N, C-alpha and C. Protein backbone atom coordinates (compact mmCIF):
# COMPACT_ATOMS: atom_id res chain seq x y z
N MET A 1 0.85 -1.36 -0.30
CA MET A 1 -0.22 0.19 -0.22
C MET A 1 0.98 1.12 0.03
N THR A 2 0.78 2.23 -0.95
CA THR A 2 1.56 3.53 -0.82
C THR A 2 0.46 4.37 -0.25
N ALA A 3 1.26 5.09 0.69
CA ALA A 3 0.73 6.35 1.44
C ALA A 3 1.16 7.80 0.88
N TYR A 4 0.36 8.78 0.70
CA TYR A 4 0.63 9.72 -0.25
C TYR A 4 0.59 10.98 0.93
N LEU A 5 1.37 11.96 1.51
CA LEU A 5 1.10 13.13 1.75
C LEU A 5 0.76 14.32 1.02
N LYS A 6 -0.35 14.48 1.46
CA LYS A 6 -1.43 15.63 0.66
C LYS A 6 -0.74 17.04 1.45
N ASP A 7 -0.84 16.87 2.73
CA ASP A 7 -0.60 18.49 3.26
C ASP A 7 0.38 18.79 3.08
N PRO A 8 1.13 20.05 2.42
CA PRO A 8 2.45 20.46 2.13
C PRO A 8 3.03 20.64 3.69
N GLN A 9 2.47 20.93 4.60
CA GLN A 9 2.71 21.22 6.35
C GLN A 9 3.67 19.57 6.48
N GLN A 10 2.70 18.94 6.23
CA GLN A 10 3.24 17.39 6.86
C GLN A 10 4.22 16.95 5.83
N PHE A 11 4.23 17.07 4.53
CA PHE A 11 5.33 16.88 3.72
C PHE A 11 6.82 17.58 4.30
N SER A 12 6.53 18.66 4.94
CA SER A 12 7.69 19.58 4.97
C SER A 12 8.16 19.09 6.52
N PHE A 13 7.16 18.64 7.18
CA PHE A 13 7.72 17.92 8.53
C PHE A 13 8.62 16.72 8.19
N VAL A 14 7.95 15.57 7.41
CA VAL A 14 8.90 14.48 7.28
C VAL A 14 9.84 14.77 6.34
N SER A 15 10.63 15.73 5.58
CA SER A 15 11.23 16.18 5.00
C SER A 15 12.51 16.48 6.07
N ARG A 16 12.20 17.53 6.98
CA ARG A 16 13.04 17.57 7.90
C ARG A 16 13.30 16.79 8.90
N ILE A 17 12.77 15.72 8.99
CA ILE A 17 13.04 14.42 10.10
C ILE A 17 14.09 13.41 9.25
N LEU A 18 13.82 13.23 7.83
CA LEU A 18 14.58 12.55 7.21
C LEU A 18 15.70 13.16 6.40
N SER A 19 15.90 14.45 6.62
CA SER A 19 17.12 15.39 6.09
C SER A 19 18.30 14.84 7.15
N PRO A 20 19.42 14.92 6.39
CA PRO A 20 20.83 14.22 6.71
C PRO A 20 21.39 15.10 7.84
N GLU A 21 20.90 16.70 7.69
CA GLU A 21 21.35 17.77 8.53
C GLU A 21 20.45 17.31 10.00
N ASN A 22 19.62 16.80 9.68
CA ASN A 22 18.76 16.58 11.40
C ASN A 22 19.60 15.59 12.24
N SER A 23 19.85 16.03 13.62
CA SER A 23 20.44 15.43 14.58
C SER A 23 20.08 14.10 14.65
N SER A 24 18.51 14.03 14.95
CA SER A 24 18.09 13.11 15.45
C SER A 24 18.40 11.89 14.30
N PHE A 25 18.53 12.17 12.90
CA PHE A 25 18.21 11.65 11.86
C PHE A 25 20.01 11.14 11.70
N SER A 26 20.83 11.68 12.02
CA SER A 26 22.09 11.24 11.94
C SER A 26 22.51 10.31 13.10
N LEU A 27 21.92 10.18 14.15
CA LEU A 27 22.20 9.98 15.43
C LEU A 27 21.47 8.35 15.01
N LEU A 28 20.62 8.25 14.59
CA LEU A 28 19.92 7.12 14.12
C LEU A 28 20.42 6.43 13.28
N LEU A 29 21.14 6.75 12.22
CA LEU A 29 21.89 6.34 11.19
C LEU A 29 22.96 5.59 11.75
N GLY A 30 23.47 6.27 12.41
CA GLY A 30 24.97 5.89 12.99
C GLY A 30 24.37 4.66 14.07
N VAL A 31 23.67 4.65 14.82
CA VAL A 31 22.90 3.71 15.44
C VAL A 31 22.94 2.27 14.56
N LEU A 32 22.39 2.53 13.74
CA LEU A 32 22.06 1.59 12.52
C LEU A 32 23.29 0.92 11.74
N ARG A 33 24.17 1.86 11.43
CA ARG A 33 25.44 1.52 10.94
C ARG A 33 26.35 0.84 11.91
N GLN A 34 25.99 0.91 13.53
CA GLN A 34 26.84 0.54 14.50
C GLN A 34 26.52 -0.87 14.31
N GLU A 35 25.06 -1.11 14.39
CA GLU A 35 24.34 -2.36 14.40
C GLU A 35 24.62 -3.28 13.62
N LEU A 36 25.11 -2.89 12.34
CA LEU A 36 25.08 -3.72 11.34
C LEU A 36 26.69 -4.51 11.11
N ALA A 37 27.47 -3.09 11.61
CA ALA A 37 29.07 -3.58 11.82
C ALA A 37 29.08 -4.69 12.70
N ASN A 38 28.45 -4.38 13.94
CA ASN A 38 28.32 -5.63 15.07
C ASN A 38 27.90 -6.85 14.59
N THR A 39 26.79 -7.28 13.68
CA THR A 39 26.27 -8.00 13.39
C THR A 39 26.92 -9.03 12.37
N GLN A 40 27.91 -7.90 11.31
CA GLN A 40 28.49 -8.58 10.41
C GLN A 40 29.97 -9.57 11.15
N GLU A 41 30.76 -8.62 12.50
CA GLU A 41 31.37 -8.99 13.11
C GLU A 41 30.97 -10.19 13.56
N GLN A 42 30.11 -10.08 14.58
CA GLN A 42 29.75 -11.50 14.80
C GLN A 42 29.66 -12.88 13.75
N VAL A 43 28.90 -12.62 12.61
CA VAL A 43 29.01 -13.37 11.72
C VAL A 43 30.57 -14.04 11.41
N ALA A 44 31.18 -13.02 11.11
CA ALA A 44 32.81 -13.10 10.80
C ALA A 44 33.45 -14.01 11.73
N GLU A 45 33.04 -13.45 13.03
CA GLU A 45 33.95 -14.30 13.95
C GLU A 45 33.16 -15.95 14.01
N GLU A 46 31.85 -15.92 13.93
CA GLU A 46 31.55 -17.45 14.00
C GLU A 46 31.78 -18.16 12.84
N THR A 47 32.26 -17.87 12.09
CA THR A 47 32.58 -18.10 10.90
C THR A 47 34.24 -18.59 10.70
N ASP A 48 34.92 -17.96 11.60
CA ASP A 48 36.04 -18.48 11.70
C ASP A 48 36.39 -19.54 12.70
N LYS A 49 35.25 -19.27 13.81
CA LYS A 49 35.61 -20.69 15.06
C LYS A 49 34.90 -21.79 14.34
N ASN A 50 33.80 -21.78 13.30
CA ASN A 50 33.60 -22.85 12.89
C ASN A 50 34.78 -23.53 11.98
N GLN A 51 35.26 -22.61 11.23
CA GLN A 51 36.40 -23.48 10.80
C GLN A 51 37.31 -23.49 11.13
N ALA A 52 37.74 -23.15 12.13
CA ALA A 52 39.05 -23.50 13.09
C ALA A 52 38.59 -24.94 13.63
N VAL A 53 37.33 -25.12 14.01
CA VAL A 53 37.05 -26.39 14.53
C VAL A 53 37.22 -27.43 13.37
N VAL A 54 36.68 -27.58 12.08
CA VAL A 54 36.70 -28.10 11.32
C VAL A 54 38.14 -28.26 11.00
N LEU A 55 39.08 -27.60 10.88
CA LEU A 55 40.58 -27.45 10.57
C LEU A 55 41.01 -28.46 11.52
N ALA A 56 40.57 -28.31 12.66
CA ALA A 56 41.57 -29.05 13.81
C ALA A 56 41.16 -30.72 13.83
N LEU A 57 39.69 -30.77 13.28
CA LEU A 57 39.47 -32.40 13.28
C LEU A 57 40.03 -32.88 11.76
N TYR A 58 40.33 -32.29 11.26
CA TYR A 58 41.30 -32.61 10.10
C TYR A 58 43.13 -32.88 10.72
N ALA A 59 43.19 -32.08 11.24
CA ALA A 59 44.72 -32.10 12.03
C ALA A 59 44.66 -33.44 12.86
N ALA A 60 43.54 -33.69 13.50
CA ALA A 60 43.57 -34.42 14.03
C ALA A 60 43.72 -36.07 13.86
N LEU A 61 42.47 -35.79 12.42
CA LEU A 61 42.24 -37.23 11.66
C LEU A 61 43.84 -37.77 11.36
N ASN A 62 44.31 -36.64 10.56
CA ASN A 62 45.71 -37.18 10.01
C ASN A 62 46.78 -37.37 10.77
N THR A 63 46.96 -37.14 11.97
CA THR A 63 47.95 -37.27 13.14
C THR A 63 47.48 -38.57 13.71
N ARG A 64 46.21 -38.83 13.66
CA ARG A 64 45.36 -40.09 14.50
C ARG A 64 45.52 -39.72 15.68
N ASP A 65 45.07 -38.73 16.18
CA ASP A 65 44.79 -38.34 17.76
C ASP A 65 43.28 -38.36 18.07
N VAL A 66 43.13 -39.94 18.39
CA VAL A 66 41.87 -40.02 18.93
C VAL A 66 40.91 -39.01 19.90
N ASP A 67 41.95 -39.02 20.97
CA ASP A 67 41.40 -37.98 21.91
C ASP A 67 40.69 -36.80 21.46
N ALA A 68 41.73 -36.15 20.71
CA ALA A 68 41.13 -35.03 19.90
C ALA A 68 39.64 -35.34 19.10
N VAL A 69 40.08 -36.06 18.32
CA VAL A 69 38.53 -36.21 17.39
C VAL A 69 37.32 -36.28 18.21
N HIS A 70 37.44 -37.05 19.66
CA HIS A 70 36.22 -37.20 20.48
C HIS A 70 35.90 -35.70 21.02
N ARG A 71 36.59 -34.96 21.16
CA ARG A 71 36.37 -33.86 21.98
C ARG A 71 35.77 -32.93 20.75
N ILE A 72 36.10 -33.10 19.50
CA ILE A 72 35.35 -32.32 18.41
C ILE A 72 34.28 -32.78 18.12
N LEU A 73 33.86 -34.16 17.93
CA LEU A 73 32.70 -34.82 17.20
C LEU A 73 31.65 -34.99 18.64
N ALA A 74 30.41 -35.04 18.12
CA ALA A 74 29.26 -35.16 18.91
C ALA A 74 29.08 -36.82 19.01
N PRO A 75 28.97 -37.38 20.26
CA PRO A 75 28.84 -38.54 20.15
C PRO A 75 27.71 -39.28 19.30
N ASP A 76 26.86 -38.51 19.13
CA ASP A 76 25.63 -39.08 18.10
C ASP A 76 26.00 -38.57 16.94
N LEU A 77 27.09 -38.14 16.33
CA LEU A 77 27.34 -38.11 15.10
C LEU A 77 26.44 -38.09 14.01
N GLU A 78 26.10 -37.29 13.00
CA GLU A 78 24.95 -37.67 12.33
C GLU A 78 25.99 -37.97 10.98
N TRP A 79 26.10 -39.12 10.09
CA TRP A 79 26.81 -39.43 9.05
C TRP A 79 26.14 -39.91 8.02
N TRP A 80 26.51 -38.96 6.74
CA TRP A 80 25.78 -39.41 5.35
C TRP A 80 26.65 -39.51 4.34
N PHE A 81 26.70 -40.71 3.57
CA PHE A 81 27.85 -41.04 2.62
C PHE A 81 27.30 -41.09 1.37
N HIS A 82 28.33 -40.61 0.40
CA HIS A 82 27.62 -41.00 -1.12
C HIS A 82 28.93 -41.21 -1.92
N GLY A 83 28.92 -42.41 -2.60
CA GLY A 83 30.21 -42.70 -3.46
C GLY A 83 30.32 -44.14 -3.31
N PRO A 84 31.54 -44.66 -4.09
CA PRO A 84 32.00 -46.11 -3.93
C PRO A 84 31.64 -46.74 -2.06
N PRO A 85 31.13 -47.66 -2.27
CA PRO A 85 31.16 -48.55 -0.68
C PRO A 85 32.63 -48.59 -0.04
N THR A 86 33.58 -49.03 -1.32
CA THR A 86 34.72 -49.60 -0.71
C THR A 86 35.56 -48.36 -0.65
N HIS A 87 35.11 -46.77 -0.56
CA HIS A 87 36.03 -45.80 -0.12
C HIS A 87 35.39 -44.80 0.77
N GLN A 88 34.85 -45.40 1.69
CA GLN A 88 34.42 -44.87 2.89
C GLN A 88 35.62 -44.74 3.95
N PHE A 89 36.61 -44.08 3.02
CA PHE A 89 37.68 -43.62 4.09
C PHE A 89 37.60 -42.66 5.55
N LEU A 90 36.93 -41.72 5.32
CA LEU A 90 36.52 -40.91 6.58
C LEU A 90 36.00 -41.69 7.85
N MET A 91 35.03 -42.65 7.36
CA MET A 91 34.57 -43.55 8.41
C MET A 91 35.36 -44.28 8.95
N ARG A 92 36.17 -44.94 8.19
CA ARG A 92 37.51 -46.16 8.60
C ARG A 92 38.29 -45.24 9.92
N LEU A 93 38.22 -43.63 9.39
CA LEU A 93 39.18 -42.63 10.07
C LEU A 93 38.30 -42.65 11.57
N LEU A 94 37.31 -42.37 11.30
CA LEU A 94 36.48 -42.04 12.63
C LEU A 94 36.28 -43.38 13.58
N THR A 95 36.08 -44.42 13.01
CA THR A 95 35.74 -45.76 13.61
C THR A 95 37.00 -46.38 14.72
N GLY A 96 38.27 -45.96 13.83
CA GLY A 96 39.48 -46.47 14.15
C GLY A 96 39.57 -47.64 13.62
N ALA A 97 39.02 -47.84 12.37
CA ALA A 97 39.31 -49.16 11.44
C ALA A 97 40.45 -49.13 10.50
N SER A 98 41.11 -47.73 11.01
CA SER A 98 42.63 -47.31 10.21
C SER A 98 43.51 -47.67 10.98
N HIS A 99 43.64 -47.90 12.44
CA HIS A 99 44.74 -48.36 13.18
C HIS A 99 45.16 -49.73 12.97
N ASP A 100 44.87 -50.27 11.68
CA ASP A 100 45.98 -51.70 11.49
C ASP A 100 47.09 -51.29 10.81
N GLY A 101 47.36 -49.97 10.14
CA GLY A 101 48.75 -49.74 10.07
C GLY A 101 48.44 -49.88 7.97
N SER A 102 47.61 -50.53 7.62
CA SER A 102 47.32 -50.42 6.34
C SER A 102 46.90 -49.68 5.66
N PHE A 103 46.30 -48.68 6.57
CA PHE A 103 45.35 -47.80 5.74
C PHE A 103 46.23 -46.07 5.76
N ARG A 104 46.54 -45.54 4.67
CA ARG A 104 47.19 -44.41 4.46
C ARG A 104 46.69 -43.35 3.76
N PHE A 105 45.07 -43.18 3.61
CA PHE A 105 44.64 -42.04 3.10
C PHE A 105 44.49 -40.96 4.07
N GLU A 106 44.92 -39.90 3.67
CA GLU A 106 45.11 -38.58 4.38
C GLU A 106 44.06 -37.56 3.74
N PHE A 107 43.16 -36.92 4.39
CA PHE A 107 42.21 -35.36 3.87
C PHE A 107 43.02 -34.33 4.30
N ASP A 108 43.33 -33.76 3.26
CA ASP A 108 44.22 -32.30 3.08
C ASP A 108 43.24 -31.36 2.46
N PRO A 109 42.62 -30.54 3.26
CA PRO A 109 41.86 -29.51 2.87
C PRO A 109 42.37 -28.71 1.70
N LEU A 110 41.62 -28.08 0.54
CA LEU A 110 42.34 -27.45 -0.36
C LEU A 110 41.80 -26.47 -0.94
N SER A 111 40.05 -26.43 -0.23
CA SER A 111 39.44 -25.19 -0.21
C SER A 111 38.06 -25.60 0.66
N LEU A 112 37.86 -23.98 1.30
CA LEU A 112 37.03 -24.01 2.52
C LEU A 112 36.05 -23.14 2.33
N THR A 113 34.72 -23.15 2.48
CA THR A 113 33.65 -22.32 2.19
C THR A 113 32.61 -22.48 3.48
N THR A 114 32.26 -21.44 4.29
CA THR A 114 31.42 -21.49 5.36
C THR A 114 30.19 -20.82 4.75
N PHE A 115 28.78 -21.43 5.27
CA PHE A 115 27.61 -21.08 5.19
C PHE A 115 27.12 -20.90 6.15
N GLY A 116 27.42 -20.07 7.38
CA GLY A 116 26.47 -20.28 8.52
C GLY A 116 27.30 -21.37 9.40
N SER A 117 26.43 -22.33 9.97
CA SER A 117 26.99 -23.31 10.70
C SER A 117 27.44 -24.30 9.71
N THR A 118 27.33 -24.73 8.35
CA THR A 118 27.87 -25.50 7.57
C THR A 118 28.92 -25.01 6.75
N VAL A 119 29.98 -25.97 7.35
CA VAL A 119 31.51 -25.70 6.64
C VAL A 119 31.55 -26.88 5.63
N ILE A 120 31.93 -26.30 4.11
CA ILE A 120 32.10 -27.19 3.27
C ILE A 120 33.59 -27.20 2.70
N VAL A 121 34.27 -28.63 2.82
CA VAL A 121 35.51 -28.59 2.53
C VAL A 121 35.95 -29.46 1.23
N GLU A 122 36.74 -29.32 0.50
CA GLU A 122 36.75 -29.98 -0.79
C GLU A 122 38.43 -30.53 -0.57
N GLY A 123 38.51 -31.54 -1.11
CA GLY A 123 39.98 -31.91 -1.62
C GLY A 123 40.10 -33.10 -2.72
N CYS A 124 41.40 -33.46 -2.99
CA CYS A 124 41.30 -34.75 -3.62
C CYS A 124 42.95 -35.27 -3.07
N ASP A 125 42.87 -36.83 -3.43
CA ASP A 125 43.98 -37.41 -2.90
C ASP A 125 45.20 -36.78 -3.74
N HIS A 126 46.69 -37.64 -3.43
CA HIS A 126 47.65 -36.81 -3.86
C HIS A 126 47.98 -37.39 -5.37
N SER A 127 47.37 -38.61 -5.46
CA SER A 127 47.50 -39.14 -7.13
C SER A 127 46.21 -38.40 -8.01
N ARG A 128 45.60 -37.52 -7.44
CA ARG A 128 44.41 -37.07 -8.24
C ARG A 128 43.36 -38.20 -8.78
N SER A 129 43.30 -39.24 -8.24
CA SER A 129 42.47 -40.25 -8.43
C SER A 129 41.11 -40.27 -7.74
N ASN A 130 40.77 -39.56 -6.62
CA ASN A 130 39.69 -39.45 -5.84
C ASN A 130 39.52 -38.02 -5.45
N SER A 131 38.45 -37.46 -5.91
CA SER A 131 38.00 -36.02 -5.30
C SER A 131 36.99 -36.29 -4.03
N TRP A 132 37.03 -35.49 -3.30
CA TRP A 132 36.05 -35.68 -1.90
C TRP A 132 35.49 -34.12 -1.49
N VAL A 133 34.03 -34.10 -0.87
CA VAL A 133 33.82 -33.28 -0.67
C VAL A 133 33.00 -33.54 0.74
N HIS A 134 33.22 -32.36 1.84
CA HIS A 134 32.77 -32.74 3.52
C HIS A 134 31.71 -31.61 3.64
N ALA A 135 30.72 -31.82 3.93
CA ALA A 135 29.81 -30.98 4.46
C ALA A 135 29.54 -30.78 5.89
N TRP A 136 30.13 -30.10 6.79
CA TRP A 136 29.93 -30.35 8.40
C TRP A 136 29.18 -29.26 8.80
N THR A 137 28.63 -29.81 9.66
CA THR A 137 27.47 -28.74 10.55
C THR A 137 28.09 -28.68 11.91
N VAL A 138 28.57 -27.46 12.40
CA VAL A 138 29.05 -27.10 13.78
C VAL A 138 28.05 -26.37 14.46
N THR A 139 27.84 -27.03 15.58
CA THR A 139 26.95 -26.56 16.72
C THR A 139 27.34 -26.23 18.13
N ASP A 140 27.46 -24.96 18.28
CA ASP A 140 28.29 -24.55 19.84
C ASP A 140 29.82 -25.14 19.95
N GLY A 141 30.34 -25.13 18.88
CA GLY A 141 31.82 -25.47 18.51
C GLY A 141 32.23 -27.28 18.80
N ILE A 142 30.95 -27.84 18.35
CA ILE A 142 30.99 -29.42 18.44
C ILE A 142 30.44 -29.96 17.11
N ILE A 143 31.01 -30.85 16.36
CA ILE A 143 30.55 -31.17 14.72
C ILE A 143 29.52 -31.86 15.17
N THR A 144 28.29 -31.79 14.99
CA THR A 144 27.19 -32.72 15.09
C THR A 144 26.83 -33.28 14.01
N GLN A 145 27.17 -33.16 12.32
CA GLN A 145 26.70 -33.94 11.42
C GLN A 145 27.49 -33.52 10.37
N VAL A 146 28.10 -34.80 9.12
CA VAL A 146 28.57 -34.63 8.13
C VAL A 146 28.36 -35.08 6.94
N ARG A 147 28.18 -34.67 5.77
CA ARG A 147 27.67 -35.27 4.58
C ARG A 147 28.96 -35.41 3.76
N GLU A 148 29.55 -36.89 3.16
CA GLU A 148 30.31 -37.00 2.65
C GLU A 148 30.22 -37.46 1.23
N TYR A 149 30.94 -37.06 0.37
CA TYR A 149 30.60 -36.90 -1.12
C TYR A 149 32.21 -37.35 -1.54
N LEU A 150 32.24 -39.02 -2.49
CA LEU A 150 33.90 -39.07 -3.07
C LEU A 150 33.35 -39.35 -4.18
N ASN A 151 34.14 -38.84 -4.88
CA ASN A 151 34.04 -38.64 -6.46
C ASN A 151 32.48 -38.48 -7.03
N THR A 152 32.19 -37.63 -6.38
CA THR A 152 30.68 -36.96 -6.58
C THR A 152 31.02 -35.56 -7.03
N SER A 153 30.33 -34.62 -8.14
CA SER A 153 30.19 -33.63 -8.32
C SER A 153 29.01 -33.09 -7.23
N LEU A 154 29.40 -31.63 -6.56
CA LEU A 154 28.57 -31.34 -5.55
C LEU A 154 28.08 -29.88 -5.76
N THR A 155 26.78 -29.43 -5.72
CA THR A 155 25.98 -28.17 -6.10
C THR A 155 25.34 -27.92 -4.61
N VAL A 156 25.87 -26.49 -3.97
CA VAL A 156 24.89 -26.30 -2.80
C VAL A 156 23.84 -25.30 -3.26
N THR A 157 22.94 -25.02 -2.60
CA THR A 157 21.75 -24.42 -3.10
C THR A 157 21.11 -23.82 -2.07
N ARG A 158 20.77 -22.62 -1.88
CA ARG A 158 19.71 -21.98 -0.62
C ARG A 158 19.02 -21.97 -0.63
N LEU A 159 18.08 -22.75 0.16
CA LEU A 159 16.52 -22.79 0.16
C LEU A 159 15.90 -21.19 0.48
N GLY A 160 14.80 -21.08 -0.60
CA GLY A 160 13.74 -19.68 -0.06
C GLY A 160 14.46 -18.26 -0.04
N ASN A 161 15.67 -18.19 -1.12
CA ASN A 161 16.21 -16.93 -0.89
C ASN A 161 16.23 -16.77 -2.36
N PRO A 162 15.31 -16.06 -3.03
CA PRO A 162 15.34 -15.73 -4.35
C PRO A 162 15.86 -14.46 -4.47
N SER A 163 16.57 -13.96 -3.49
CA SER A 163 17.86 -12.60 -3.57
C SER A 163 18.76 -12.94 -4.02
N GLN A 164 19.28 -13.98 -4.27
CA GLN A 164 20.79 -14.69 -4.97
C GLN A 164 20.63 -14.90 -6.42
N SER A 165 21.66 -15.26 -6.87
CA SER A 165 21.32 -15.17 -8.31
C SER A 165 21.10 -16.93 -8.72
N PRO A 166 20.84 -16.97 -9.50
CA PRO A 166 20.00 -18.04 -9.86
C PRO A 166 20.87 -19.59 -10.11
N PRO A 167 21.00 -20.53 -9.96
CA PRO A 167 21.92 -21.39 -10.32
C PRO A 167 22.18 -21.97 -11.68
N SER A 168 22.98 -22.50 -12.09
CA SER A 168 23.56 -23.12 -13.34
C SER A 168 22.86 -24.21 -13.30
N ASP A 169 22.70 -24.71 -14.57
CA ASP A 169 21.97 -26.44 -14.83
C ASP A 169 22.71 -27.57 -14.59
N TYR A 170 22.84 -27.82 -13.49
CA TYR A 170 23.49 -28.81 -12.99
C TYR A 170 23.08 -30.35 -13.63
N ASN A 171 21.93 -30.29 -13.98
CA ASN A 171 21.70 -31.62 -14.47
C ASN A 171 21.04 -31.35 -16.13
N PRO A 172 21.59 -31.69 -17.14
CA PRO A 172 21.24 -31.61 -18.56
C PRO A 172 19.87 -32.31 -18.67
N SER A 173 19.52 -33.15 -17.91
CA SER A 173 18.52 -34.20 -18.10
C SER A 173 17.32 -33.68 -17.45
N SER A 174 17.32 -32.85 -16.52
CA SER A 174 16.23 -31.93 -15.83
C SER A 174 15.37 -31.48 -16.88
N SER A 175 13.86 -31.47 -16.69
CA SER A 175 13.06 -30.74 -17.63
C SER A 175 12.92 -29.34 -17.37
N SER A 176 12.62 -28.68 -18.47
CA SER A 176 12.52 -26.97 -18.02
C SER A 176 11.89 -26.47 -17.00
N SER A 177 10.57 -27.24 -16.51
CA SER A 177 9.87 -26.68 -15.68
C SER A 177 10.79 -26.89 -14.23
N THR A 178 11.69 -28.27 -13.87
CA THR A 178 12.35 -28.48 -12.75
C THR A 178 13.35 -27.45 -12.60
N VAL A 179 14.07 -27.30 -13.62
CA VAL A 179 14.92 -26.01 -13.63
C VAL A 179 14.56 -24.77 -13.22
N GLU A 180 13.42 -24.42 -13.88
CA GLU A 180 12.91 -22.97 -13.39
C GLU A 180 12.24 -22.92 -12.10
N ILE A 181 12.27 -24.06 -11.59
CA ILE A 181 11.56 -23.93 -10.13
C ILE A 181 12.74 -23.98 -9.22
N THR A 182 13.58 -25.10 -9.69
CA THR A 182 14.96 -24.66 -8.80
C THR A 182 15.60 -23.40 -9.07
N SER A 183 15.72 -22.67 -9.89
CA SER A 183 16.46 -21.18 -10.28
C SER A 183 15.42 -20.45 -9.17
N LEU A 184 14.23 -20.60 -9.03
CA LEU A 184 13.65 -19.48 -8.55
C LEU A 184 13.53 -19.88 -7.08
N HIS A 185 13.60 -21.10 -6.76
CA HIS A 185 13.50 -21.17 -5.01
C HIS A 185 15.13 -21.46 -4.40
N CYS A 186 15.66 -22.07 -4.91
CA CYS A 186 16.87 -22.75 -4.62
C CYS A 186 18.13 -22.33 -5.44
N PRO A 187 18.61 -21.16 -5.25
CA PRO A 187 19.88 -20.34 -6.10
C PRO A 187 20.97 -21.26 -5.54
N SER A 188 22.00 -21.35 -6.74
CA SER A 188 23.39 -22.19 -6.28
C SER A 188 24.09 -21.27 -5.90
N VAL A 189 24.87 -21.29 -4.65
CA VAL A 189 25.63 -20.82 -3.75
C VAL A 189 27.30 -21.10 -3.95
N TRP A 190 27.40 -22.57 -4.27
CA TRP A 190 28.92 -22.87 -4.33
C TRP A 190 28.74 -24.47 -5.46
N GLU A 191 29.57 -24.98 -6.20
CA GLU A 191 30.30 -25.84 -6.59
C GLU A 191 31.06 -26.42 -6.80
N SER A 192 31.33 -27.65 -6.64
CA SER A 192 32.98 -28.31 -6.48
C SER A 192 33.40 -28.05 -7.76
N SER A 193 34.74 -28.27 -7.56
CA SER A 193 35.80 -28.16 -8.88
C SER A 193 36.52 -29.16 -8.88
N PHE A 194 37.01 -29.84 -7.73
CA PHE A 194 38.19 -30.90 -8.09
C PHE A 194 37.49 -32.22 -8.43
N SER A 195 36.07 -32.48 -8.37
CA SER A 195 35.76 -33.38 -9.04
C SER A 195 35.97 -34.15 -10.62
N SER A 196 35.95 -32.66 -11.02
CA SER A 196 36.15 -32.82 -12.61
C SER A 196 37.74 -33.00 -13.08
N ARG A 197 38.29 -33.05 -12.17
CA ARG A 197 39.88 -33.08 -12.05
C ARG A 197 40.40 -34.78 -11.68
N VAL A 198 39.52 -35.51 -11.65
CA VAL A 198 39.95 -37.00 -11.56
C VAL A 198 40.23 -37.80 -12.72
N GLY A 199 39.54 -37.27 -13.74
CA GLY A 199 39.72 -38.02 -15.07
C GLY A 199 38.82 -38.86 -15.24
N LYS A 200 37.56 -38.78 -14.82
CA LYS A 200 36.45 -39.80 -15.20
C LYS A 200 35.13 -39.10 -14.68
N SER A 201 34.17 -39.65 -15.17
CA SER A 201 32.84 -39.05 -15.43
C SER A 201 32.28 -39.30 -13.64
N VAL A 202 31.78 -38.42 -12.83
CA VAL A 202 31.10 -38.73 -11.69
C VAL A 202 29.67 -38.07 -11.55
N PRO A 203 28.79 -38.76 -10.66
CA PRO A 203 27.74 -38.67 -10.67
C PRO A 203 27.36 -36.99 -10.13
N GLY A 204 26.40 -36.24 -10.19
CA GLY A 204 25.73 -35.26 -9.44
C GLY A 204 25.09 -35.02 -8.68
N LEU A 205 25.09 -34.24 -7.39
CA LEU A 205 24.10 -33.95 -6.26
C LEU A 205 23.93 -33.19 -6.08
N VAL A 206 22.62 -32.48 -5.37
CA VAL A 206 22.70 -31.18 -4.96
C VAL A 206 22.03 -31.57 -3.29
N LEU A 207 23.00 -30.18 -2.74
CA LEU A 207 22.72 -30.29 -1.40
C LEU A 207 22.04 -28.74 -1.03
N ALA A 208 20.79 -28.92 -0.33
CA ALA A 208 19.81 -27.94 -0.02
C ALA A 208 20.53 -27.28 1.67
N ILE A 209 20.76 -26.01 1.53
CA ILE A 209 21.15 -25.44 3.03
C ILE A 209 20.10 -24.22 3.18
């Protein structure tokens, strides 16, 4: 609904209130800017903390520091895996199945992106024969969920945020109506890149956050 100011005196009063020269307006603007700065600072601080937790986990996994792993992970960690069943490398590390000495796979993060409580990490092994993506959920400094994608191309979309740019067409076989709905309601915010470097065709999945 649009409101119109027909009274010239009323218009003049509103103009004075909204004028940058008005001290009250300037004070209000300063408060709003400070609140915005504080919010951005809090978001940045939370992002740094969540990333630090995830990076600490990788360090503990690669050094086989079981105590540190237990401190970082929730005891009821939710784990979801997509990839070849024989390539459940992360689960072997988390469960201690790698302690027999024959397991040599290490997760070296090559890229890291954060969306709130979700930290997405991507990498590949030294021979570039296997690519991986981990989507960790960090809650109050503890990892409560991980979604693991091995030799899988991943597209991350954001639900219900039409202000973001529309996603790319990640599935050529999708119908035009499906692509249109996805573009309108689930804009793409991140796509994996190392999956294309393993030299073989890999399936593609979408993760909505």
